[in-house]
Amino acid sequence: METLQVVTVSSDNYVKHTAVMLTSLLVNKESSNPINIYVIGSISEKNQLKLNQSVERFGIVIKFFEVDPALFESFKLTQYYKQEVYYRLLIPDLLEPEIKKAIYLDSDLIIRHDITNLWNIDIENYFLAASRKSYLRNRRRALSIPYKYGCFNAGVMVINLNKWREHNVYQLVIDYLIKNEKIIRFQEQDALNGVLYNKYRNFNKTWNLTTTDLKFLGKKKINPSIIHYTGRKKPWRKRHRYQFEYFKYLEITHWNED
């Protein structure tokens, strides 16, 4: 039985939302597969403790990796995109060499179904699996990616760590960011698409249903496995079709009274 390896990125400003995401994942995990959870980012000891207290009833002890913020300070940052967006590029180097596969999850999402089903996607011949987004066609054109490949959202990925290590994807992405600085808009997501556009497996958008996806679906009845609160319309700030899901899981974290 495989051990699931789940990685996310957080900070003291976002750790509450990380707790909500991880709680939703563990509440809805049905398989008996063991699971390891890793959090990358600069998080205070107090918040690390609260995060572990939020998941301890599931028998989980989170492993934390701290990254020097100066590592990516020379790259393009915005008010919305901080240096943390680049931390996911470090996953193959931070995890032990014997770990061959990992799921990466953004913190601003909710998992509603068993994450084991996402883990079981076969990526042996791919660098990663992700959800292709038709609404990213403008980015596809800007990055000169052929039409048939499209662009994927990098907030939910199943990563083939062996291929990333063997082909030094980290350096390829860094080089791409430097070379294409003027056309980069979505930071590491643009670069990952630019480098791996023909090396990823597309999975159903139900495993990464973004706020923009919801706009296109309108009132159509759906049952998403992952709700991804992309953009500025976060459930803790503004009304959202699935706002109640966020607060449902917040209530059972150690941030429920904040």
Protein backbone atom coordinates (compact mmCIF):
# COMPACT_ATOMS: atom_id res chain seq x y z
CA MET A 1 0.00 0.00 0.00
CA GLU A 2 1.47 3.32 -1.09
CA THR A 3 1.98 6.22 1.28
CA LEU A 4 0.45 9.42 -0.05
CA GLN A 5 2.82 12.39 -0.08
CA VAL A 6 1.05 15.76 0.08
CA VAL A 7 2.84 19.10 -0.07
CA THR A 8 1.60 22.65 0.31
CA VAL A 9 3.08 26.11 0.77
CA SER A 10 2.06 28.56 3.46
CA SER A 11 3.03 31.55 5.61
CA ASP A 12 1.86 33.14 8.84
CA ASN A 13 -0.60 35.21 6.81
CA TYR A 14 -2.08 32.13 5.13
CA VAL A 15 -1.67 29.35 7.68
CA LYS A 16 -5.31 29.50 8.80
CA HIS A 17 -6.42 28.70 5.25
CA THR A 18 -3.85 25.91 5.09
CA ALA A 19 -5.46 24.41 8.19
CA VAL A 20 -8.86 24.53 6.51
CA MET A 21 -7.52 22.88 3.35
CA LEU A 22 -5.72 20.09 5.21
CA THR A 23 -8.72 19.46 7.47
CA SER A 24 -11.00 19.07 4.44
CA LEU A 25 -8.50 16.66 2.88
CA LEU A 26 -8.28 14.47 5.98
CA VAL A 27 -12.00 14.49 6.77
CA ASN A 28 -12.81 13.25 3.26
CA LYS A 29 -9.97 10.74 2.83
CA GLU A 30 -11.57 7.29 2.81
CA SER A 31 -8.69 4.99 1.87
CA SER A 32 -6.47 3.25 4.41
CA ASN A 33 -3.32 4.47 2.66
CA PRO A 34 -0.94 6.22 5.07
CA ILE A 35 -0.31 9.89 4.33
CA ASN A 36 2.58 12.28 4.94
CA ILE A 37 2.00 16.03 4.87
CA TYR A 38 4.68 18.65 4.28
CA VAL A 39 4.34 22.42 4.57
CA ILE A 40 6.92 24.73 2.99
CA GLY A 41 7.30 28.31 4.19
CA SER A 42 8.24 30.62 7.03
CA ILE A 43 5.72 29.88 9.79
CA SER A 44 6.07 30.77 13.46
CA GLU A 45 6.37 28.04 16.09
CA LYS A 46 3.00 29.12 17.49
CA ASN A 47 1.27 28.64 14.15
CA GLN A 48 3.10 25.40 13.46
CA LEU A 49 1.73 24.11 16.76
CA LYS A 50 -1.82 25.23 15.95
CA LEU A 51 -1.60 23.62 12.52
CA ASN A 52 -0.45 20.33 14.00
CA GLN A 53 -3.19 20.52 16.64
CA SER A 54 -5.73 20.93 13.84
CA VAL A 55 -4.73 17.61 12.25
CA GLU A 56 -3.49 15.54 15.19
CA ARG A 57 -6.82 13.72 15.62
CA PHE A 58 -6.12 12.14 12.22
CA GLY A 59 -2.81 10.77 13.48
CA ILE A 60 -0.84 13.28 11.40
CA VAL A 61 2.35 15.11 12.35
CA ILE A 62 3.24 17.71 9.73
CA LYS A 63 6.83 18.14 8.58
CA PHE A 64 7.80 21.77 8.03
CA PHE A 65 10.43 23.13 5.65
CA GLU A 66 11.59 26.70 6.05
CA VAL A 67 12.89 28.52 2.97
CA ASP A 68 15.06 31.61 2.89
CA PRO A 69 12.79 34.31 1.38
CA ALA A 70 15.83 35.91 -0.25
CA LEU A 71 16.15 32.87 -2.53
CA PHE A 72 13.55 34.24 -4.93
CA GLU A 73 13.59 37.96 -4.14
CA SER A 74 15.13 38.82 -7.53
CA PHE A 75 12.16 37.30 -9.36
CA LYS A 76 8.99 39.07 -10.35
CA LEU A 77 6.70 39.63 -7.36
CA THR A 78 3.41 41.50 -7.02
CA GLN A 79 1.01 42.46 -4.25
CA TYR A 80 -0.89 39.26 -5.05
CA TYR A 81 1.98 36.92 -5.97
CA LYS A 82 4.59 36.72 -3.20
CA GLN A 83 7.84 34.74 -3.21
CA GLU A 84 5.96 31.75 -1.76
CA VAL A 85 4.56 30.98 -5.23
CA TYR A 86 8.04 29.79 -6.22
CA TYR A 87 8.51 27.43 -3.28
CA ARG A 88 6.72 24.54 -4.99
CA LEU A 89 9.68 24.35 -7.37
CA LEU A 90 11.78 23.11 -4.45
CA ILE A 91 9.65 20.05 -3.68
CA PRO A 92 11.87 17.45 -5.42
CA ASP A 93 14.91 18.68 -3.49
CA LEU A 94 13.20 19.03 -0.11
CA LEU A 95 11.59 15.60 -0.08
CA GLU A 96 13.73 12.52 0.47
CA PRO A 97 15.22 11.03 -2.72
CA GLU A 98 13.29 7.78 -2.31
CA ILE A 99 9.98 9.64 -2.58
CA LYS A 100 9.09 9.40 -6.26
CA LYS A 101 5.71 11.13 -6.39
CA ALA A 102 3.87 13.91 -4.56
CA ILE A 103 0.62 15.85 -4.72
CA TYR A 104 1.01 19.60 -4.55
CA LEU A 105 -1.98 21.62 -3.31
CA ASP A 106 -2.46 25.36 -2.97
CA SER A 107 -3.80 26.47 0.42
CA ASP A 108 -6.85 28.31 -0.95
CA LEU A 109 -8.90 25.25 -1.75
CA ILE A 110 -11.19 22.61 -0.26
CA ILE A 111 -10.97 18.86 -0.92
CA ARG A 112 -14.42 17.24 -0.97
CA HIS A 113 -13.60 13.68 -2.08
CA ASP A 114 -10.94 11.10 -1.32
CA ILE A 115 -7.56 12.51 -2.38
CA THR A 116 -6.38 8.93 -2.99
CA ASN A 117 -8.26 9.00 -6.29
CA LEU A 118 -6.08 11.89 -7.44
CA TRP A 119 -2.95 10.13 -6.18
CA ASN A 120 -3.81 7.04 -8.26
CA ILE A 121 -3.52 8.89 -11.58
CA ASP A 122 -0.76 7.21 -13.58
CA ILE A 123 2.04 9.70 -14.32
CA GLU A 124 4.87 7.26 -15.00
CA ASN A 125 5.41 8.72 -18.48
CA TYR A 126 4.66 12.33 -17.55
CA PHE A 127 6.38 15.05 -15.54
CA LEU A 128 3.11 15.92 -13.82
CA ALA A 129 -0.66 15.77 -14.02
CA ALA A 130 -2.76 18.92 -13.82
CA SER A 131 -6.03 20.41 -15.05
CA ARG A 132 -5.95 22.17 -18.42
CA LYS A 133 -7.89 25.45 -18.41
CA SER A 134 -9.43 26.75 -21.63
CA TYR A 135 -9.71 30.24 -20.12
CA LEU A 136 -5.90 30.42 -20.06
CA ARG A 137 -5.78 30.61 -23.85
CA ASN A 138 -4.34 34.13 -23.71
CA ARG A 139 -1.45 32.82 -21.65
CA ARG A 140 -1.00 29.95 -24.12
CA ARG A 141 -0.64 32.46 -26.94
CA ALA A 142 1.70 34.72 -24.95
CA LEU A 143 3.91 31.76 -24.08
CA SER A 144 3.85 30.44 -27.68
CA ILE A 145 2.44 27.07 -26.63
CA PRO A 146 0.79 25.04 -29.43
CA TYR A 147 -3.01 25.00 -29.32
CA LYS A 148 -3.37 21.25 -28.69
CA TYR A 149 -1.54 21.46 -25.34
CA GLY A 150 -3.25 24.43 -23.73
CA CYS A 151 -2.23 25.71 -20.27
CA PHE A 152 -2.75 24.10 -16.89
CA ASN A 153 -3.42 25.60 -13.48
CA ALA A 154 -0.48 24.81 -11.17
CA GLY A 155 -2.47 24.97 -7.92
CA VAL A 156 -3.20 21.23 -7.96
CA MET A 157 -0.51 18.96 -9.38
CA VAL A 158 0.52 15.32 -9.14
CA ILE A 159 4.29 15.52 -9.60
CA ASN A 160 6.65 12.86 -10.90
CA LEU A 161 9.58 13.75 -8.65
CA ASN A 162 11.98 11.40 -10.39
CA LYS A 163 11.52 13.11 -13.75
CA TRP A 164 11.83 16.56 -12.16
CA ARG A 165 15.10 15.52 -10.54
CA GLU A 166 16.51 13.71 -13.57
CA HIS A 167 15.80 16.63 -15.91
CA ASN A 168 16.52 19.41 -13.37
CA VAL A 169 13.11 21.02 -13.87
CA TYR A 170 13.92 23.55 -11.16
CA GLN A 171 16.76 25.03 -13.21
CA LEU A 172 14.77 24.85 -16.45
CA VAL A 173 11.98 26.87 -14.86
CA ILE A 174 14.39 29.40 -13.33
CA ASP A 175 16.10 29.86 -16.71
CA TYR A 176 12.72 30.30 -18.38
CA LEU A 177 11.70 32.95 -15.85
CA ILE A 178 14.89 34.91 -16.46
CA LYS A 179 14.76 34.63 -20.25
CA ASN A 180 11.06 35.50 -20.53
CA GLU A 181 10.70 38.06 -17.75
CA LYS A 182 8.80 40.55 -19.94
CA ILE A 183 5.97 38.14 -20.81
CA ILE A 184 5.59 36.47 -17.40
CA ARG A 185 2.26 37.24 -15.73
CA PHE A 186 1.41 34.24 -13.56
CA GLN A 187 4.95 33.72 -12.26
CA GLU A 188 5.91 30.07 -11.79
CA GLN A 189 2.69 28.82 -13.41
CA ASP A 190 3.64 30.53 -16.68
CA ALA A 191 7.14 29.09 -16.46
CA LEU A 192 5.96 25.56 -15.66
CA ASN A 193 3.65 25.70 -18.67
CA GLY A 194 6.38 27.12 -20.86
CA VAL A 195 8.79 24.32 -19.93
CA LEU A 196 6.42 21.33 -19.52
CA TYR A 197 3.55 22.14 -21.92
CA ASN A 198 3.99 18.81 -23.78
CA LYS A 199 5.02 16.72 -20.78
CA TYR A 200 1.95 16.76 -18.53
CA ARG A 201 -1.17 14.64 -18.25
CA ASN A 202 -4.49 16.45 -18.15
CA PHE A 203 -7.01 15.41 -15.51
CA ASN A 204 -10.68 16.26 -15.16
CA LYS A 205 -11.36 19.78 -13.91
CA THR A 206 -13.46 18.36 -11.07
CA TRP A 207 -10.11 17.86 -9.30
CA ASN A 208 -9.31 21.55 -9.62
CA LEU A 209 -12.54 23.47 -10.10
CA THR A 210 -11.48 27.11 -10.00
CA THR A 211 -13.55 30.21 -9.42
CA THR A 212 -13.20 31.01 -13.13
CA ASP A 213 -14.43 27.51 -14.04
CA LEU A 214 -17.54 28.24 -11.98
CA LYS A 215 -18.24 31.39 -13.98
CA PHE A 216 -18.35 29.37 -17.19
CA LEU A 217 -20.50 26.64 -15.64
CA GLY A 218 -23.14 29.10 -14.46
CA LYS A 219 -25.93 27.35 -12.52
CA LYS A 220 -25.10 23.91 -13.86
CA LYS A 221 -25.31 21.25 -11.15
CA ILE A 222 -21.85 19.93 -10.29
CA ASN A 223 -20.11 17.82 -7.66
CA PRO A 224 -16.47 18.98 -7.62
CA SER A 225 -13.78 16.99 -5.85
CA ILE A 226 -11.69 20.12 -5.23
CA ILE A 227 -12.98 23.68 -5.01
CA HIS A 228 -10.14 26.10 -5.75
CA TYR A 229 -10.83 29.66 -4.60
CA THR A 230 -8.66 31.32 -7.24
CA GLY A 231 -8.40 35.07 -7.82
CA ARG A 232 -9.28 37.74 -5.32
CA LYS A 233 -12.77 36.43 -4.52
CA LYS A 234 -11.76 34.41 -1.45
CA PRO A 235 -14.51 32.95 0.76
CA TRP A 236 -13.12 34.65 3.86
CA ARG A 237 -13.47 38.06 2.13
CA LYS A 238 -16.38 37.93 -0.31
CA ARG A 239 -19.41 35.84 -1.18
CA HIS A 240 -18.64 32.69 -3.13
CA ARG A 241 -20.82 29.87 -4.40
CA TYR A 242 -18.96 27.48 -2.08
CA GLN A 243 -18.26 29.89 0.74
CA PHE A 244 -20.10 27.69 3.26
CA GLU A 245 -17.70 24.81 2.57
CA TYR A 246 -14.74 26.89 3.73
CA PHE A 247 -16.40 27.88 7.02
CA LYS A 248 -17.64 24.33 7.62
CA TYR A 249 -14.06 23.11 7.83
CA LEU A 250 -12.76 26.24 9.56
CA GLU A 251 -15.06 25.38 12.48
CA ILE A 252 -13.11 22.19 13.18
CA THR A 253 -9.63 23.73 13.09
CA HIS A 254 -7.77 25.48 15.92
CA TRP A 255 -8.59 28.78 14.22
CA ASN A 256 -12.33 28.42 14.75
CA GLU A 257 -12.49 31.21 17.32
CA ASP A 258 -10.12 33.69 15.67
